[in-house]
Amino acid sequence: TLGVELRQKLGEAIATFLKISGKPSLLAEQPNTKASFAARTQYLNALHALQGEAMGRLRGAGAPDEGSDVYRQLLDAMIVTVQGIAAGMQNTG
């Protein structure tokens, strides 16, 4: 699947970067940043999962009508997860 392929390519890119840079790990010289990312990961993973579910329902064959309350709730969920992920990554998107 696409997710498997993307994770494989990311792993390859990280391995190449570490080999070229000679660093033992990503953010090896920035332990505070690394710890900050680690602390936020579990929350971000939950938001990513919720976002994927909302997107799947919006795009699915049984997607709700655009005028329905369910559709508006799913759109709200998408907006909240995008904002939450951006805040968690400390980036605007």
N, C-alpha and C. Protein backbone atom coordinates (compact mmCIF):
# COMPACT_ATOMS: atom_id res chain seq x y z
N THR A 1 0.83 -1.19 0.00
CA THR A 1 0.00 0.00 0.00
C THR A 1 0.87 1.25 0.00
N LEU A 2 0.24 2.38 -0.21
CA LEU A 2 0.96 3.64 -0.26
C LEU A 2 1.65 3.94 1.06
N GLY A 3 0.96 3.69 2.17
CA GLY A 3 1.55 3.95 3.49
C GLY A 3 2.81 3.14 3.72
N VAL A 4 2.80 1.89 3.34
CA VAL A 4 3.98 1.03 3.51
C VAL A 4 5.13 1.56 2.67
N GLU A 5 4.83 1.92 1.43
CA GLU A 5 5.86 2.44 0.53
C GLU A 5 6.45 3.75 1.07
N LEU A 6 5.59 4.64 1.55
CA LEU A 6 6.08 5.91 2.09
C LEU A 6 6.96 5.71 3.32
N ARG A 7 6.55 4.79 4.21
CA ARG A 7 7.37 4.52 5.40
C ARG A 7 8.72 3.92 5.02
N GLN A 8 8.74 3.07 4.01
CA GLN A 8 9.99 2.48 3.53
C GLN A 8 10.90 3.56 2.97
N LYS A 9 10.35 4.45 2.16
CA LYS A 9 11.15 5.52 1.57
C LYS A 9 11.66 6.48 2.65
N LEU A 10 10.85 6.76 3.65
CA LEU A 10 11.29 7.60 4.75
C LEU A 10 12.45 6.94 5.48
N GLY A 11 12.34 5.66 5.75
CA GLY A 11 13.42 4.92 6.41
C GLY A 11 14.71 4.97 5.61
N GLU A 12 14.59 4.83 4.30
CA GLU A 12 15.76 4.90 3.43
C GLU A 12 16.38 6.30 3.46
N ALA A 13 15.54 7.33 3.43
CA ALA A 13 16.04 8.70 3.46
C ALA A 13 16.75 8.99 4.78
N ILE A 14 16.18 8.53 5.87
CA ILE A 14 16.80 8.74 7.19
C ILE A 14 18.14 8.02 7.25
N ALA A 15 18.17 6.78 6.79
CA ALA A 15 19.42 6.01 6.81
C ALA A 15 20.49 6.70 5.96
N THR A 16 20.11 7.21 4.82
CA THR A 16 21.07 7.92 3.96
C THR A 16 21.57 9.18 4.64
N PHE A 17 20.67 9.95 5.24
CA PHE A 17 21.07 11.16 5.95
C PHE A 17 22.05 10.85 7.07
N LEU A 18 21.74 9.83 7.87
CA LEU A 18 22.61 9.48 8.99
C LEU A 18 23.98 9.01 8.49
N LYS A 19 24.00 8.29 7.40
CA LYS A 19 25.27 7.81 6.83
C LYS A 19 26.12 8.99 6.35
N ILE A 20 25.50 9.90 5.63
CA ILE A 20 26.23 11.05 5.09
C ILE A 20 26.69 11.99 6.20
N SER A 21 25.80 12.23 7.17
CA SER A 21 26.11 13.20 8.23
C SER A 21 27.02 12.62 9.31
N GLY A 22 27.04 11.30 9.42
CA GLY A 22 27.83 10.67 10.47
C GLY A 22 27.21 10.78 11.85
N LYS A 23 25.96 11.19 11.89
CA LYS A 23 25.26 11.33 13.18
C LYS A 23 24.68 9.97 13.60
N PRO A 24 24.60 9.74 14.91
CA PRO A 24 24.06 8.46 15.37
C PRO A 24 22.53 8.36 15.25
N SER A 25 21.85 9.53 15.30
CA SER A 25 20.39 9.54 15.21
C SER A 25 19.92 10.92 14.80
N LEU A 26 18.67 11.00 14.39
CA LEU A 26 18.09 12.30 14.09
C LEU A 26 18.02 13.14 15.36
N LEU A 27 18.30 14.39 15.24
CA LEU A 27 18.27 15.35 16.35
C LEU A 27 19.23 14.96 17.48
N ALA A 28 20.30 14.24 17.15
CA ALA A 28 21.25 13.81 18.17
C ALA A 28 21.86 14.99 18.91
N GLU A 29 22.01 16.11 18.22
CA GLU A 29 22.62 17.29 18.83
C GLU A 29 21.57 18.24 19.42
N GLN A 30 20.32 17.85 19.39
CA GLN A 30 19.24 18.69 19.91
C GLN A 30 18.32 17.84 20.81
N PRO A 31 18.83 17.42 21.96
CA PRO A 31 18.05 16.51 22.82
C PRO A 31 16.74 17.10 23.33
N ASN A 32 16.68 18.41 23.54
CA ASN A 32 15.42 19.01 24.00
C ASN A 32 14.35 18.94 22.93
N THR A 33 14.72 19.22 21.71
CA THR A 33 13.77 19.13 20.59
C THR A 33 13.31 17.69 20.41
N LYS A 34 14.26 16.77 20.48
CA LYS A 34 13.92 15.34 20.32
C LYS A 34 12.95 14.90 21.41
N ALA A 35 13.19 15.32 22.65
CA ALA A 35 12.30 14.96 23.76
C ALA A 35 10.93 15.60 23.58
N SER A 36 10.90 16.82 23.08
CA SER A 36 9.63 17.51 22.84
C SER A 36 8.80 16.76 21.79
N PHE A 37 9.45 16.35 20.70
CA PHE A 37 8.75 15.57 19.67
C PHE A 37 8.22 14.26 20.25
N ALA A 38 9.04 13.60 21.03
CA ALA A 38 8.65 12.30 21.60
C ALA A 38 7.43 12.46 22.51
N ALA A 39 7.39 13.55 23.27
CA ALA A 39 6.27 13.78 24.19
C ALA A 39 4.96 14.03 23.45
N ARG A 40 5.04 14.62 22.26
CA ARG A 40 3.83 14.95 21.49
C ARG A 40 3.37 13.84 20.56
N THR A 41 4.21 12.87 20.31
CA THR A 41 3.92 11.85 19.30
C THR A 41 2.62 11.10 19.55
N GLN A 42 2.37 10.66 20.78
CA GLN A 42 1.16 9.88 21.03
C GLN A 42 -0.11 10.70 20.77
N TYR A 43 -0.07 11.97 21.07
CA TYR A 43 -1.23 12.83 20.83
C TYR A 43 -1.42 13.09 19.34
N LEU A 44 -0.32 13.31 18.65
CA LEU A 44 -0.39 13.54 17.21
C LEU A 44 -0.87 12.29 16.48
N ASN A 45 -0.41 11.13 16.90
CA ASN A 45 -0.87 9.89 16.27
C ASN A 45 -2.37 9.72 16.40
N ALA A 46 -2.92 10.07 17.55
CA ALA A 46 -4.37 9.98 17.74
C ALA A 46 -5.09 10.96 16.81
N LEU A 47 -4.56 12.17 16.68
CA LEU A 47 -5.18 13.14 15.78
C LEU A 47 -5.10 12.68 14.32
N HIS A 48 -3.97 12.10 13.94
CA HIS A 48 -3.83 11.58 12.57
C HIS A 48 -4.87 10.49 12.32
N ALA A 49 -5.08 9.62 13.28
CA ALA A 49 -6.06 8.54 13.12
C ALA A 49 -7.47 9.11 12.98
N LEU A 50 -7.80 10.08 13.81
CA LEU A 50 -9.12 10.71 13.73
C LEU A 50 -9.31 11.43 12.39
N GLN A 51 -8.25 12.09 11.94
CA GLN A 51 -8.33 12.79 10.67
C GLN A 51 -8.54 11.80 9.52
N GLY A 52 -7.83 10.70 9.56
CA GLY A 52 -7.98 9.68 8.52
C GLY A 52 -9.39 9.11 8.50
N GLU A 53 -9.95 8.88 9.68
CA GLU A 53 -11.32 8.36 9.77
C GLU A 53 -12.32 9.37 9.20
N ALA A 54 -12.18 10.64 9.59
CA ALA A 54 -13.09 11.67 9.09
C ALA A 54 -12.96 11.81 7.58
N MET A 55 -11.74 11.81 7.08
CA MET A 55 -11.53 11.93 5.64
C MET A 55 -12.11 10.74 4.89
N GLY A 56 -11.91 9.55 5.45
CA GLY A 56 -12.47 8.36 4.83
C GLY A 56 -13.99 8.42 4.75
N ARG A 57 -14.59 8.90 5.81
CA ARG A 57 -16.07 9.00 5.80
C ARG A 57 -16.54 10.07 4.83
N LEU A 58 -15.80 11.17 4.73
CA LEU A 58 -16.18 12.22 3.79
C LEU A 58 -16.03 11.77 2.34
N ARG A 59 -15.02 10.95 2.07
CA ARG A 59 -14.76 10.52 0.70
C ARG A 59 -15.41 9.19 0.35
N GLY A 60 -15.92 8.50 1.34
CA GLY A 60 -16.45 7.16 1.14
C GLY A 60 -17.68 7.12 0.27
N ALA A 61 -17.99 5.92 -0.21
CA ALA A 61 -19.15 5.72 -1.06
C ALA A 61 -20.44 6.10 -0.33
N GLY A 62 -20.45 5.91 0.98
CA GLY A 62 -21.62 6.25 1.76
C GLY A 62 -21.50 7.61 2.42
N ALA A 63 -20.76 8.52 1.78
CA ALA A 63 -20.55 9.85 2.37
C ALA A 63 -21.90 10.54 2.58
N PRO A 64 -22.01 11.26 3.68
CA PRO A 64 -23.27 11.96 3.97
C PRO A 64 -23.52 13.10 2.97
N ASP A 65 -24.78 13.48 2.83
CA ASP A 65 -25.12 14.62 1.98
C ASP A 65 -24.45 15.88 2.51
N GLU A 66 -24.02 16.75 1.59
CA GLU A 66 -23.28 17.95 1.99
C GLU A 66 -24.07 18.88 2.91
N GLY A 67 -25.35 18.80 2.90
CA GLY A 67 -26.14 19.66 3.76
C GLY A 67 -26.48 19.04 5.10
N SER A 68 -26.09 17.82 5.33
CA SER A 68 -26.49 17.12 6.56
C SER A 68 -25.65 17.53 7.76
N ASP A 69 -26.20 17.29 8.94
CA ASP A 69 -25.47 17.56 10.18
C ASP A 69 -24.22 16.68 10.28
N VAL A 70 -24.32 15.45 9.84
CA VAL A 70 -23.17 14.53 9.89
C VAL A 70 -22.04 15.07 9.03
N TYR A 71 -22.36 15.55 7.84
CA TYR A 71 -21.35 16.11 6.94
C TYR A 71 -20.66 17.31 7.61
N ARG A 72 -21.44 18.20 8.20
CA ARG A 72 -20.86 19.38 8.87
C ARG A 72 -20.00 18.96 10.05
N GLN A 73 -20.42 17.94 10.78
CA GLN A 73 -19.62 17.45 11.91
C GLN A 73 -18.30 16.86 11.42
N LEU A 74 -18.33 16.14 10.32
CA LEU A 74 -17.10 15.58 9.76
C LEU A 74 -16.16 16.68 9.26
N LEU A 75 -16.73 17.72 8.65
CA LEU A 75 -15.90 18.85 8.23
C LEU A 75 -15.28 19.54 9.45
N ASP A 76 -16.07 19.71 10.49
CA ASP A 76 -15.54 20.30 11.74
C ASP A 76 -14.42 19.44 12.31
N ALA A 77 -14.59 18.12 12.25
CA ALA A 77 -13.56 17.21 12.74
C ALA A 77 -12.28 17.38 11.92
N MET A 78 -12.40 17.52 10.62
CA MET A 78 -11.22 17.74 9.77
C MET A 78 -10.52 19.04 10.16
N ILE A 79 -11.28 20.10 10.34
CA ILE A 79 -10.68 21.40 10.70
C ILE A 79 -9.98 21.31 12.04
N VAL A 80 -10.61 20.70 13.01
CA VAL A 80 -10.02 20.58 14.36
C VAL A 80 -8.76 19.74 14.33
N THR A 81 -8.78 18.64 13.57
CA THR A 81 -7.58 17.79 13.53
C THR A 81 -6.44 18.49 12.79
N VAL A 82 -6.74 19.21 11.72
CA VAL A 82 -5.68 19.95 11.01
C VAL A 82 -5.06 20.99 11.95
N GLN A 83 -5.90 21.71 12.67
CA GLN A 83 -5.39 22.72 13.60
C GLN A 83 -4.61 22.07 14.74
N GLY A 84 -5.12 20.96 15.24
CA GLY A 84 -4.45 20.26 16.33
C GLY A 84 -3.10 19.72 15.92
N ILE A 85 -3.01 19.15 14.72
CA ILE A 85 -1.75 18.62 14.23
C ILE A 85 -0.76 19.77 14.01
N ALA A 86 -1.23 20.86 13.43
CA ALA A 86 -0.34 22.01 13.21
C ALA A 86 0.18 22.54 14.55
N ALA A 87 -0.70 22.63 15.54
CA ALA A 87 -0.26 23.10 16.87
C ALA A 87 0.71 22.11 17.50
N GLY A 88 0.43 20.83 17.35
CA GLY A 88 1.30 19.82 17.93
C GLY A 88 2.66 19.76 17.26
N MET A 89 2.69 20.07 15.97
CA MET A 89 3.97 20.09 15.25
C MET A 89 4.65 21.45 15.42
N GLN A 90 3.94 22.39 16.02
CA GLN A 90 4.39 23.77 16.20
C GLN A 90 4.72 24.37 14.84
N ASN A 91 3.74 24.20 13.95
CA ASN A 91 3.85 24.70 12.60
C ASN A 91 2.45 25.05 12.15
N THR A 92 2.32 25.92 11.19
CA THR A 92 0.99 26.33 10.74
C THR A 92 0.39 25.40 9.72
N GLY A 93 1.02 24.33 9.38
CA GLY A 93 0.44 23.38 8.47
C GLY A 93 1.40 22.97 7.43
